[in-house]
Structures are given as structure tokens and as C-alpha cells.
């Protein structure tokens, strides 16, 4: 994400003003998003790697 200096400064100030519980909540949300993204990526990779095998089975079965 492209950030201007003003926006970056605003974000730093906002982060500094966050309470500890809000920071913990934001970290939890971020970790959950990363975990979800990794799970989705893993599922897509599994489907992509199994697709040729599935096609081959259909070809030989038909």
C-alpha cells in the first residue's frame, strides 16, 4: 500500500493512542486473517495439484 507521509504519521499517532486491549484485539484480528489466508491458499494449492489426477481418472473411467 502506498502511504503518504501524512497518512503514515496519522497511522503512527493512531496506533500510539490505542489502548493495550485494542492493540491486542488488532493483533488477534491480523493473526486470524493471516491464518485464514494461509488456509485458503493451502486449499487452492491442494485443489490445483489434485485436478490433473482427477481429470485423468475421469478420462480413464469414461
PDB file of N, CA and C in Angstrom:
ATOM      1  N   UNK A   1       0.855  -1.172   0.000  1.00  0.00           N
ATOM      2  CA  UNK A   1       0.000   0.000   0.000  1.00  0.00           C
ATOM      3  C   UNK A   1       0.896   1.230   0.000  1.00  0.00           C
ATOM      4  N   UNK A   2       0.568   2.143  -0.869  1.00  0.00           N
ATOM      5  CA  UNK A   2       1.315   3.384  -0.966  1.00  0.00           C
ATOM      6  C   UNK A   2       0.800   4.345   0.098  1.00  0.00           C
ATOM      7  N   UNK A   3       1.714   4.832   0.939  1.00  0.00           N
ATOM      8  CA  UNK A   3       1.294   5.741   2.004  1.00  0.00           C
ATOM      9  C   UNK A   3       2.018   7.068   1.874  1.00  0.00           C
ATOM     10  N   UNK A   4       1.280   8.119   2.060  1.00  0.00           N
ATOM     11  CA  UNK A   4       1.912   9.429   2.104  1.00  0.00           C
ATOM     12  C   UNK A   4       2.501   9.612   3.493  1.00  0.00           C
ATOM     13  N   UNK A   5       3.397  10.568   3.622  1.00  0.00           N
ATOM     14  CA  UNK A   5       3.992  10.827   4.942  1.00  0.00           C
ATOM     15  C   UNK A   5       2.921  11.226   5.947  1.00  0.00           C
ATOM     16  N   UNK A   6       1.982  12.027   5.486  1.00  0.00           N
ATOM     17  CA  UNK A   6       0.926  12.491   6.388  1.00  0.00           C
ATOM     18  C   UNK A   6       0.087  11.312   6.886  1.00  0.00           C
ATOM     19  N   UNK A   7      -0.263  10.405   5.971  1.00  0.00           N
ATOM     20  CA  UNK A   7      -1.056   9.238   6.350  1.00  0.00           C
ATOM     21  C   UNK A   7      -0.267   8.337   7.298  1.00  0.00           C
ATOM     22  N   UNK A   8       1.010   8.122   6.995  1.00  0.00           N
ATOM     23  CA  UNK A   8       1.853   7.293   7.854  1.00  0.00           C
ATOM     24  C   UNK A   8       1.963   7.904   9.243  1.00  0.00           C
ATOM     25  N   UNK A   9       2.111   9.216   9.301  1.00  0.00           N
ATOM     26  CA  UNK A   9       2.181   9.906  10.582  1.00  0.00           C
ATOM     27  C   UNK A   9       0.870   9.746  11.349  1.00  0.00           C
ATOM     28  N   UNK A  10      -0.232   9.879  10.637  1.00  0.00           N
ATOM     29  CA  UNK A  10      -1.553   9.716  11.253  1.00  0.00           C
ATOM     30  C   UNK A  10      -1.709   8.301  11.810  1.00  0.00           C
ATOM     31  N   UNK A  11      -1.267   7.303  11.046  1.00  0.00           N
ATOM     32  CA  UNK A  11      -1.393   5.917  11.495  1.00  0.00           C
ATOM     33  C   UNK A  11      -0.532   5.659  12.729  1.00  0.00           C
ATOM     34  N   UNK A  12       0.673   6.218  12.758  1.00  0.00           N
ATOM     35  CA  UNK A  12       1.532   6.053  13.944  1.00  0.00           C
ATOM     36  C   UNK A  12       0.873   6.675  15.161  1.00  0.00           C
ATOM     37  N   UNK A  13       0.332   7.880  14.995  1.00  0.00           N
ATOM     38  CA  UNK A  13      -0.324   8.561  16.109  1.00  0.00           C
ATOM     39  C   UNK A  13      -1.542   7.777  16.574  1.00  0.00           C
ATOM     40  N   UNK A  14      -2.287   7.242  15.636  1.00  0.00           N
ATOM     41  CA  UNK A  14      -3.472   6.451  15.981  1.00  0.00           C
ATOM     42  C   UNK A  14      -3.062   5.208  16.752  1.00  0.00           C
ATOM     43  N   UNK A  15      -2.013   4.540  16.280  1.00  0.00           N
ATOM     44  CA  UNK A  15      -1.544   3.329  16.945  1.00  0.00           C
ATOM     45  C   UNK A  15      -1.064   3.635  18.357  1.00  0.00           C
ATOM     46  N   UNK A  16      -0.361   4.739  18.516  1.00  0.00           N
ATOM     47  CA  UNK A  16       0.140   5.110  19.837  1.00  0.00           C
ATOM     48  C   UNK A  16      -1.002   5.418  20.793  1.00  0.00           C
ATOM     49  N   UNK A  17      -2.115   5.919  20.257  1.00  0.00           N
ATOM     50  CA  UNK A  17      -3.252   6.269  21.100  1.00  0.00           C
ATOM     51  C   UNK A  17      -4.154   5.084  21.424  1.00  0.00           C
ATOM     52  N   UNK A  18      -3.945   3.977  20.756  1.00  0.00           N
ATOM     53  CA  UNK A  18      -4.775   2.804  21.014  1.00  0.00           C
ATOM     54  C   UNK A  18      -4.492   2.270  22.415  1.00  0.00           C
ATOM     55  N   UNK A  19      -5.507   1.779  23.042  1.00  0.00           N
ATOM     56  CA  UNK A  19      -5.304   1.155  24.348  1.00  0.00           C
ATOM     57  C   UNK A  19      -4.661  -0.210  24.145  1.00  0.00           C
ATOM     58  N   UNK A  20      -4.134  -0.769  25.210  1.00  0.00           N
ATOM     59  CA  UNK A  20      -3.475  -2.074  25.122  1.00  0.00           C
ATOM     60  C   UNK A  20      -4.458  -3.141  24.654  1.00  0.00           C
ATOM     61  N   UNK A  21      -5.684  -3.097  25.150  1.00  0.00           N
ATOM     62  CA  UNK A  21      -6.652  -4.120  24.753  1.00  0.00           C
ATOM     63  C   UNK A  21      -7.002  -3.998  23.273  1.00  0.00           C
ATOM     64  N   UNK A  22      -7.075  -2.782  22.776  1.00  0.00           N
ATOM     65  CA  UNK A  22      -7.362  -2.596  21.348  1.00  0.00           C
ATOM     66  C   UNK A  22      -6.202  -3.119  20.505  1.00  0.00           C
ATOM     67  N   UNK A  23      -4.973  -2.861  20.950  1.00  0.00           N
ATOM     68  CA  UNK A  23      -3.812  -3.379  20.220  1.00  0.00           C
ATOM     69  C   UNK A  23      -3.839  -4.906  20.198  1.00  0.00           C
ATOM     70  N   UNK A  24      -4.182  -5.512  21.342  1.00  0.00           N
ATOM     71  CA  UNK A  24      -4.275  -6.971  21.394  1.00  0.00           C
ATOM     72  C   UNK A  24      -5.355  -7.468  20.444  1.00  0.00           C
ATOM     73  N   UNK A  25      -6.480  -6.771  20.414  1.00  0.00           N
ATOM     74  CA  UNK A  25      -7.581  -7.153  19.533  1.00  0.00           C
ATOM     75  C   UNK A  25      -7.141  -7.056  18.070  1.00  0.00           C
ATOM     76  N   UNK A  26      -6.460  -5.962  17.718  1.00  0.00           N
ATOM     77  CA  UNK A  26      -5.985  -5.788  16.347  1.00  0.00           C
ATOM     78  C   UNK A  26      -4.980  -6.874  15.967  1.00  0.00           C
ATOM     79  N   UNK A  27      -4.103  -7.231  16.903  1.00  0.00           N
ATOM     80  CA  UNK A  27      -3.134  -8.292  16.637  1.00  0.00           C
ATOM     81  C   UNK A  27      -3.841  -9.626  16.423  1.00  0.00           C
ATOM     82  N   UNK A  28      -4.883  -9.889  17.215  1.00  0.00           N
ATOM     83  CA  UNK A  28      -5.645 -11.123  17.074  1.00  0.00           C
ATOM     84  C   UNK A  28      -6.340 -11.171  15.708  1.00  0.00           C
ATOM     85  N   UNK A  29      -6.943 -10.051  15.316  1.00  0.00           N
ATOM     86  CA  UNK A  29      -7.615  -9.989  14.015  1.00  0.00           C
ATOM     87  C   UNK A  29      -6.607 -10.213  12.895  1.00  0.00           C
ATOM     88  N   UNK A  30      -5.446  -9.593  13.011  1.00  0.00           N
ATOM     89  CA  UNK A  30      -4.404  -9.740  11.992  1.00  0.00           C
ATOM     90  C   UNK A  30      -3.940 -11.195  11.907  1.00  0.00           C
ATOM     91  N   UNK A  31      -3.707 -11.822  13.056  1.00  0.00           N
ATOM     92  CA  UNK A  31      -3.264 -13.217  13.078  1.00  0.00           C
ATOM     93  C   UNK A  31      -4.333 -14.134  12.487  1.00  0.00           C
ATOM     94  N   UNK A  32      -5.597 -13.868  12.813  1.00  0.00           N
ATOM     95  CA  UNK A  32      -6.693 -14.673  12.271  1.00  0.00           C
ATOM     96  C   UNK A  32      -6.764 -14.525  10.761  1.00  0.00           C
ATOM     97  N   UNK A  33      -6.600 -13.306  10.279  1.00  0.00           N
ATOM     98  CA  UNK A  33      -6.633 -13.067   8.834  1.00  0.00           C
ATOM     99  C   UNK A  33      -5.486 -13.798   8.142  1.00  0.00           C
ATOM    100  N   UNK A  34      -4.305 -13.763   8.746  1.00  0.00           N
ATOM    101  CA  UNK A  34      -3.160 -14.463   8.160  1.00  0.00           C
ATOM    102  C   UNK A  34      -3.412 -15.967   8.133  1.00  0.00           C
ATOM    103  N   UNK A  35      -3.982 -16.499   9.231  1.00  0.00           N
ATOM    104  CA  UNK A  35      -4.275 -17.929   9.310  1.00  0.00           C
ATOM    105  C   UNK A  35      -5.306 -18.314   8.249  1.00  0.00           C
ATOM    106  N   UNK A  36      -6.349 -17.505   8.110  1.00  0.00           N
ATOM    107  CA  UNK A  36      -7.393 -17.775   7.120  1.00  0.00           C
ATOM    108  C   UNK A  36      -6.822 -17.730   5.710  1.00  0.00           C
ATOM    109  N   UNK A  37      -5.987 -16.737   5.450  1.00  0.00           N
ATOM    110  CA  UNK A  37      -5.373 -16.609   4.132  1.00  0.00           C
ATOM    111  C   UNK A  37      -4.511 -17.828   3.836  1.00  0.00           C
ATOM    112  N   UNK A  38      -3.754 -18.280   4.821  1.00  0.00           N
ATOM    113  CA  UNK A  38      -2.902 -19.454   4.633  1.00  0.00           C
ATOM    114  C   UNK A  38      -3.750 -20.699   4.381  1.00  0.00           C
ATOM    115  N   UNK A  39      -4.861 -20.835   5.096  1.00  0.00           N
ATOM    116  CA  UNK A  39      -5.739 -21.990   4.910  1.00  0.00           C
ATOM    117  C   UNK A  39      -6.364 -21.980   3.518  1.00  0.00           C
ATOM    118  N   UNK A  40      -6.790 -20.818   3.070  1.00  0.00           N
ATOM    119  CA  UNK A  40      -7.380 -20.697   1.730  1.00  0.00           C
ATOM    120  C   UNK A  40      -6.336 -21.016   0.665  1.00  0.00           C
ATOM    121  N   UNK A  41      -5.138 -20.466   0.840  1.00  0.00           N
ATOM    122  CA  UNK A  41      -4.057 -20.716  -0.119  1.00  0.00           C
ATOM    123  C   UNK A  41      -3.731 -22.215  -0.172  1.00  0.00           C
ATOM    124  N   UNK A  42      -3.709 -22.859   0.992  1.00  0.00           N
ATOM    125  CA  UNK A  42      -3.424 -24.287   1.057  1.00  0.00           C
ATOM    126  C   UNK A  42      -4.506 -25.093   0.340  1.00  0.00           C
ATOM    127  N   UNK A  43      -5.774 -24.720   0.548  1.00  0.00           N
ATOM    128  CA  UNK A  43      -6.877 -25.419  -0.113  1.00  0.00           C
ATOM    129  C   UNK A  43      -6.805 -25.250  -1.625  1.00  0.00           C
ATOM    130  N   UNK A  44      -6.500 -24.050  -2.072  1.00  0.00           N
ATOM    131  CA  UNK A  44      -6.380 -23.796  -3.513  1.00  0.00           C
ATOM    132  C   UNK A  44      -5.240 -24.623  -4.101  1.00  0.00           C
ATOM    133  N   UNK A  45      -4.114 -24.663  -3.407  1.00  0.00           N
ATOM    134  CA  UNK A  45      -2.976 -25.453  -3.889  1.00  0.00           C
ATOM    135  C   UNK A  45      -3.317 -26.939  -3.940  1.00  0.00           C
ATOM    136  N   UNK A  46      -4.052 -27.419  -2.926  1.00  0.00           N
ATOM    137  CA  UNK A  46      -4.442 -28.829  -2.909  1.00  0.00           C
ATOM    138  C   UNK A  46      -5.364 -29.142  -4.082  1.00  0.00           C
ATOM    139  N   UNK A  47      -6.314 -28.267  -4.334  1.00  0.00           N
ATOM    140  CA  UNK A  47      -7.221 -28.471  -5.471  1.00  0.00           C
ATOM    141  C   UNK A  47      -6.464 -28.412  -6.791  1.00  0.00           C
ATOM    142  N   UNK A  48      -5.568 -27.459  -6.905  1.00  0.00           N
ATOM    143  CA  UNK A  48      -4.805 -27.302  -8.145  1.00  0.00           C
ATOM    144  C   UNK A  48      -3.924 -28.520  -8.406  1.00  0.00           C
ATOM    145  N   UNK A  49      -3.333 -29.063  -7.357  1.00  0.00           N
ATOM    146  CA  UNK A  49      -2.444 -30.211  -7.551  1.00  0.00           C
ATOM    147  C   UNK A  49      -3.225 -31.498  -7.787  1.00  0.00           C
ATOM    148  N   UNK A  50      -4.464 -31.585  -7.309  1.00  0.00           N
ATOM    149  CA  UNK A  50      -5.241 -32.811  -7.494  1.00  0.00           C
ATOM    150  C   UNK A  50      -6.054 -32.790  -8.780  1.00  0.00           C
ATOM    151  N   UNK A  51      -6.219 -31.633  -9.379  1.00  0.00           N
ATOM    152  CA  UNK A  51      -7.073 -31.517 -10.567  1.00  0.00           C
ATOM    153  C   UNK A  51      -6.604 -32.386 -11.736  1.00  0.00           C
ATOM    154  N   UNK A  52      -5.323 -32.390 -12.116  1.00  0.00           N
ATOM    155  CA  UNK A  52      -4.908 -33.237 -13.239  1.00  0.00           C
ATOM    156  C   UNK A  52      -5.180 -34.718 -12.977  1.00  0.00           C
ATOM    157  N   UNK A  53      -4.959 -35.164 -11.738  1.00  0.00           N
ATOM    158  CA  UNK A  53      -5.229 -36.553 -11.376  1.00  0.00           C
ATOM    159  C   UNK A  53      -6.708 -36.853 -11.530  1.00  0.00           C
ATOM    160  N   UNK A  54      -7.532 -35.930 -11.076  1.00  0.00           N
ATOM    161  CA  UNK A  54      -8.980 -36.101 -11.176  1.00  0.00           C
ATOM    162  C   UNK A  54      -9.400 -36.185 -12.641  1.00  0.00           C
ATOM    163  N   UNK A  55      -8.844 -35.335 -13.476  1.00  0.00           N
ATOM    164  CA  UNK A  55      -9.166 -35.359 -14.909  1.00  0.00           C
ATOM    165  C   UNK A  55      -8.746 -36.690 -15.532  1.00  0.00           C
ATOM    166  N   UNK A  56      -7.568 -37.162 -15.140  1.00  0.00           N
ATOM    167  CA  UNK A  56      -7.080 -38.427 -15.684  1.00  0.00           C
ATOM    168  C   UNK A  56      -8.005 -39.569 -15.284  1.00  0.00           C
ATOM    169  N   UNK A  57      -8.469 -39.584 -14.048  1.00  0.00           N
ATOM    170  CA  UNK A  57      -9.392 -40.630 -13.601  1.00  0.00           C
ATOM    171  C   UNK A  57     -10.678 -40.589 -14.406  1.00  0.00           C
ATOM    172  N   UNK A  58     -11.194 -39.393 -14.632  1.00  0.00           N
ATOM    173  CA  UNK A  58     -12.423 -39.263 -15.411  1.00  0.00           C
ATOM    174  C   UNK A  58     -12.208 -39.759 -16.838  1.00  0.00           C
ATOM    175  N   UNK A  59     -11.059 -39.458 -17.399  1.00  0.00           N
ATOM    176  CA  UNK A  59     -10.753 -39.860 -18.768  1.00  0.00           C
ATOM    177  C   UNK A  59     -10.704 -41.389 -18.878  1.00  0.00           C
ATOM    178  N   UNK A  60     -10.016 -42.034 -17.914  1.00  0.00           N
ATOM    179  CA  UNK A  60      -9.876 -43.488 -17.974  1.00  0.00           C
ATOM    180  C   UNK A  60     -11.168 -44.200 -17.578  1.00  0.00           C
ATOM    181  N   UNK A  61     -11.967 -43.579 -16.732  1.00  0.00           N
ATOM    182  CA  UNK A  61     -13.225 -44.191 -16.309  1.00  0.00           C
ATOM    183  C   UNK A  61     -14.258 -44.135 -17.428  1.00  0.00           C
ATOM    184  N   UNK A  62     -14.169 -43.116 -18.271  1.00  0.00           N
ATOM    185  CA  UNK A  62     -15.180 -42.905 -19.314  1.00  0.00           C
ATOM    186  C   UNK A  62     -14.815 -43.649 -20.531  1.00  0.00           C
TER     187      UNK A  62
END
